[in-house]
C-alpha atoms as a PDB file:
ATOM      1  CA  MET A   1      -7.647  -2.713  -4.409  1.00  0.00           C
ATOM      2  CA  VAL A   2     -10.436  -4.761  -2.850  1.00  0.00           C
ATOM      3  CA  PRO A   3     -13.292  -4.733  -5.361  1.00  0.00           C
ATOM      4  CA  GLU A   4     -15.354  -7.159  -3.311  1.00  0.00           C
ATOM      5  CA  LYS A   5     -15.544  -4.482  -0.588  1.00  0.00           C
ATOM      6  CA  ARG A   6     -16.492  -1.660  -2.986  1.00  0.00           C
ATOM      7  CA  ASP A   7     -20.131  -1.340  -1.955  1.00  0.00           C
ATOM      8  CA  ALA A   8     -19.312  -1.340   1.766  1.00  0.00           C
ATOM      9  CA  LEU A   9     -16.547   1.249   1.325  1.00  0.00           C
ATOM     10  CA  LEU A  10     -18.709   3.573  -0.755  1.00  0.00           C
ATOM     11  CA  ALA A  11     -21.590   3.221   1.719  1.00  0.00           C
ATOM     12  CA  ARG A  12     -19.243   4.185   4.564  1.00  0.00           C
ATOM     13  CA  ALA A  13     -17.962   7.172   2.590  1.00  0.00           C
ATOM     14  CA  ASP A  14     -21.551   8.296   1.932  1.00  0.00           C
ATOM     15  CA  ALA A  15     -22.394   7.958   5.633  1.00  0.00           C
ATOM     16  CA  TYR A  16     -19.285   9.947   6.554  1.00  0.00           C
ATOM     17  CA  GLY A  17     -20.204  12.708   4.110  1.00  0.00           C
ATOM     18  CA  HIS A  18     -23.778  12.768   5.396  1.00  0.00           C
ATOM     19  CA  ASN A  19     -22.563  13.032   8.991  1.00  0.00           C
ATOM     20  CA  ARG A  20     -20.420  16.046   8.067  1.00  0.00           C
ATOM     21  CA  LEU A  21     -23.484  17.605   6.442  1.00  0.00           C
ATOM     22  CA  VAL A  22     -25.569  17.014   9.587  1.00  0.00           C
ATOM     23  CA  CYS A  23     -22.828  18.548  11.739  1.00  0.00           C
ATOM     24  CA  GLY A  24     -22.831  21.634   9.542  1.00  0.00           C
ATOM     25  CA  VAL A  25     -19.277  21.141   8.308  1.00  0.00           C
ATOM     26  CA  HIS A  26     -20.315  20.842   4.638  1.00  0.00           C
ATOM     27  CA  TYR A  27     -22.986  22.165   2.331  1.00  0.00           C
ATOM     28  CA  ALA A  28     -25.169  19.598   0.553  1.00  0.00           C
ATOM     29  CA  SER A  29     -23.469  20.399  -2.770  1.00  0.00           C
ATOM     30  CA  ASP A  30     -20.042  19.576  -1.289  1.00  0.00           C
ATOM     31  CA  ILE A  31     -20.777  15.844  -1.187  1.00  0.00           C
ATOM     32  CA  PRO A  32     -21.412  15.148  -4.889  1.00  0.00           C
ATOM     33  CA  ALA A  33     -18.766  17.717  -5.853  1.00  0.00           C
ATOM     34  CA  SER A  34     -16.127  15.974  -3.741  1.00  0.00           C
ATOM     35  CA  ARG A  35     -17.076  12.630  -5.279  1.00  0.00           C
ATOM     36  CA  LEU A  36     -16.536  14.077  -8.777  1.00  0.00           C
ATOM     37  CA  VAL A  37     -13.204  15.588  -7.770  1.00  0.00           C
ATOM     38  CA  ALA A  38     -12.034  12.276  -6.285  1.00  0.00           C
ATOM     39  CA  TYR A  39     -12.924  10.337  -9.441  1.00  0.00           C
ATOM     40  CA  ALA A  40     -11.286  12.970 -11.657  1.00  0.00           C
ATOM     41  CA  ILE A  41      -8.077  12.992  -9.599  1.00  0.00           C
ATOM     42  CA  HIS A  42      -7.910   9.213  -9.643  1.00  0.00           C
ATOM     43  CA  ALA A  43      -8.425   9.161 -13.422  1.00  0.00           C
ATOM     44  CA  VAL A  44      -5.395  11.428 -13.843  1.00  0.00           C
ATOM     45  CA  MET A  45      -3.279   9.536 -11.305  1.00  0.00           C
ATOM     46  CA  ALA A  46      -4.127   6.184 -12.917  1.00  0.00           C
ATOM     47  CA  GLN A  47      -2.266   7.310 -16.060  1.00  0.00           C
ATOM     48  CA  ASN A  48       1.013   7.692 -14.158  1.00  0.00           C
ATOM     49  CA  PRO A  49       3.282   4.610 -14.545  1.00  0.00           C
ATOM     50  CA  MET A  50       4.828   5.106 -11.086  1.00  0.00           C
ATOM     51  CA  TYR A  51       1.355   5.214  -9.542  1.00  0.00           C
ATOM     52  CA  GLN A  52       0.392   2.031 -11.407  1.00  0.00           C
ATOM     53  CA  THR A  53       3.463   0.231 -10.085  1.00  0.00           C
ATOM     54  CA  GLU A  54       2.938   1.395  -6.511  1.00  0.00           C
ATOM     55  CA  LEU A  55      -0.783   0.605  -6.660  1.00  0.00           C
ATOM     56  CA  ALA A  56      -0.079  -2.950  -7.823  1.00  0.00           C
ATOM     57  CA  ALA A  57       2.369  -3.467  -4.952  1.00  0.00           C
ATOM     58  CA  ALA A  58      -0.046  -1.970  -2.418  1.00  0.00           C
ATOM     59  CA  ARG A  59      -2.898  -4.115  -3.768  1.00  0.00           C
ATOM     60  CA  THR A  60      -0.823  -7.278  -3.374  1.00  0.00           C
ATOM     61  CA  GLU A  61       0.263  -6.307   0.144  1.00  0.00           C
ATOM     62  CA  LEU A  62      -3.254  -5.393   1.270  1.00  0.00           C
ATOM     63  CA  ARG A  63      -4.912  -8.475  -0.194  1.00  0.00           C
ATOM     64  CA  THR A  64      -2.253 -10.688   1.416  1.00  0.00           C
ATOM     65  CA  ALA A  65      -2.752  -8.991   4.794  1.00  0.00           C
ATOM     66  CA  LEU A  66      -6.527  -9.495   4.520  1.00  0.00           C
ATOM     67  CA  GLY A  67      -6.120 -13.124   3.448  1.00  0.00           C
ATOM     68  CA  LEU A  68      -7.774 -12.480   0.067  1.00  0.00           C
ATOM     69  CA  ALA A  69      -6.913 -14.107  -3.249  1.00  0.00           C
ATOM     70  CA  ALA A  70      -4.884 -12.139  -5.771  1.00  0.00           C
ATOM     71  CA  VAL A  71      -6.815 -10.150  -8.375  1.00  0.00           C
ATOM     72  CA  LYS A  72      -5.636 -10.307 -11.971  1.00  0.00           C
END
């Protein structure tokens, strides 16, 4: 929804996963596995017309709230 923030968001997600590893909440293999699951789930969801409609509305709302230009 905010592609210009992609790198920062993924870096934060990696840090979060690493912190859970350090705390002993996850095994090292859980981090890349969860990333694959997330991408696979999103790929399936992205095919759903209702999801596409709701995502477009959420993208517009979020970008407006953040004061960002619309993405085509």
